Amino acid sequence: MRDIKLYVSDILGFIQQIEDNLGSEAQFLASKNREDIVVFNLEKIGEALGQMVLHFQEFSEDETIKDFIGLRNIVIHKYFDVDYKLVWKIAENDLPALKTRIKSIAPK
């Protein structure tokens, strides 16, 4: 089984990629590169969280984690119909709560 520290490290790295590339809403929506980087990293976050929940059941009822797993599923299955304004809002408004939650999981 993969160590929880690796999941935490990976997810925080994906979050950092999003933070580094998000920019303002106007910058984000004007740049296909930014959109691709953010969506790809949101997908990776959702996948990593899904695997983490699979191996560490104590996180299976965590609402913040469940929300991001659901987001990954929506983005993957509607790839050609992604609402980039919604993606930006999620990255801007909801990602900080996930970052805080993931940091709280990190073993001391």
Protein backbone atom coordinates (compact mmCIF):
# COMPACT_ATOMS: atom_id res chain seq x y z
CA MET A 1 0.00 0.00 0.00
CA ARG A 2 1.20 3.49 -0.85
CA ASP A 3 2.13 5.65 2.13
CA ILE A 4 -0.25 8.51 3.00
CA LYS A 5 2.71 10.93 2.89
CA LEU A 6 3.09 10.24 -0.84
CA TYR A 7 -0.56 11.03 -1.54
CA VAL A 8 -0.29 14.24 0.48
CA SER A 9 2.90 15.26 -1.32
CA ASP A 10 1.46 14.51 -4.76
CA ILE A 11 -1.80 16.36 -4.09
CA LEU A 12 -0.02 19.40 -2.68
CA GLY A 13 2.20 19.41 -5.79
CA PHE A 14 -0.86 19.32 -8.07
CA ILE A 15 -2.42 22.17 -6.08
CA GLN A 16 0.80 24.17 -6.45
CA GLN A 17 0.70 23.67 -10.23
CA ILE A 18 -2.84 25.05 -10.27
CA GLU A 19 -1.93 28.01 -8.07
CA ASP A 20 1.10 28.80 -10.24
CA ASN A 21 -0.95 28.78 -13.45
CA LEU A 22 -4.45 29.95 -12.54
CA GLY A 23 -4.08 33.72 -12.76
CA SER A 24 -7.09 36.00 -12.88
CA GLU A 25 -10.32 34.75 -14.41
CA ALA A 26 -9.63 36.79 -17.55
CA GLN A 27 -6.07 35.43 -17.86
CA PHE A 28 -7.30 31.89 -17.30
CA LEU A 29 -10.10 32.07 -19.86
CA ALA A 30 -7.80 33.68 -22.44
CA SER A 31 -5.17 30.93 -22.22
CA LYS A 32 -5.75 27.39 -23.46
CA ASN A 33 -2.44 26.46 -21.82
CA ARG A 34 -3.64 27.65 -18.40
CA GLU A 35 -6.97 25.87 -18.88
CA ASP A 36 -5.23 22.62 -19.80
CA ILE A 37 -2.79 22.76 -16.88
CA VAL A 38 -5.52 23.50 -14.34
CA VAL A 39 -7.97 20.89 -15.64
CA PHE A 40 -5.22 18.25 -15.87
CA ASN A 41 -4.11 18.90 -12.30
CA LEU A 42 -7.71 18.89 -11.02
CA GLU A 43 -8.09 15.49 -12.69
CA LYS A 44 -4.90 14.25 -11.01
CA ILE A 45 -6.10 15.57 -7.64
CA GLY A 46 -9.39 13.71 -8.03
CA GLU A 47 -7.63 10.50 -9.05
CA ALA A 48 -5.15 10.72 -6.15
CA LEU A 49 -7.96 11.42 -3.69
CA GLY A 50 -9.93 8.48 -5.05
CA GLN A 51 -6.96 6.17 -4.53
CA MET A 52 -6.32 7.63 -1.08
CA VAL A 53 -9.93 6.99 -0.02
CA LEU A 54 -9.71 3.46 -1.39
CA HIS A 55 -6.69 2.68 0.81
CA PHE A 56 -7.50 4.86 3.82
CA GLN A 57 -11.19 4.45 4.62
CA GLU A 58 -11.11 7.13 7.31
CA PHE A 59 -11.31 9.72 4.52
CA SER A 60 -14.26 8.15 2.70
CA GLU A 61 -16.86 10.41 4.34
CA ASP A 62 -14.84 13.62 4.17
CA GLU A 63 -17.04 16.10 2.25
CA THR A 64 -14.17 18.19 0.89
CA ILE A 65 -12.44 15.10 -0.46
CA LYS A 66 -15.66 13.61 -1.87
CA ASP A 67 -16.44 16.89 -3.66
CA PHE A 68 -13.09 16.90 -5.46
CA ILE A 69 -13.40 13.24 -6.44
CA GLY A 70 -16.78 14.11 -7.96
CA LEU A 71 -15.26 17.06 -9.78
CA ARG A 72 -12.66 14.78 -11.33
CA ASN A 73 -15.40 12.50 -12.60
CA ILE A 74 -17.31 15.41 -14.15
CA VAL A 75 -14.20 16.83 -15.84
CA ILE A 76 -13.12 13.43 -17.21
CA HIS A 77 -16.54 12.49 -18.56
CA LYS A 78 -17.39 15.90 -20.04
CA TYR A 79 -13.96 16.80 -21.35
CA PHE A 80 -15.19 18.36 -24.58
CA ASP A 81 -17.88 20.31 -22.74
CA VAL A 82 -15.88 21.68 -19.79
CA ASP A 83 -17.24 24.86 -18.21
CA TYR A 84 -13.97 26.74 -17.77
CA LYS A 85 -15.62 29.56 -15.83
CA LEU A 86 -16.76 26.96 -13.30
CA VAL A 87 -13.30 25.36 -13.26
CA TRP A 88 -11.75 28.76 -12.49
CA LYS A 89 -14.26 29.40 -9.69
CA ILE A 90 -13.58 25.99 -8.16
CA ALA A 91 -9.82 26.49 -8.35
CA GLU A 92 -10.08 30.01 -6.94
CA ASN A 93 -12.72 29.42 -4.25
CA ASP A 94 -12.70 25.73 -3.29
CA LEU A 95 -9.09 24.64 -3.75
CA PRO A 96 -7.85 26.53 -0.65
CA ALA A 97 -10.15 24.43 1.58
CA LEU A 98 -8.81 21.24 0.02
CA LYS A 99 -5.24 22.45 0.49
CA THR A 100 -5.91 23.13 4.17
CA ARG A 101 -7.56 19.72 4.57
CA ILE A 102 -4.71 17.87 2.86
CA LYS A 103 -2.10 19.72 4.93
CA SER A 104 -3.98 18.63 8.07
CA ILE A 105 -3.63 14.99 6.96
CA ALA A 106 0.13 15.20 6.55
CA PRO A 107 1.87 13.11 9.19
CA LYS A 108 3.77 15.24 11.64
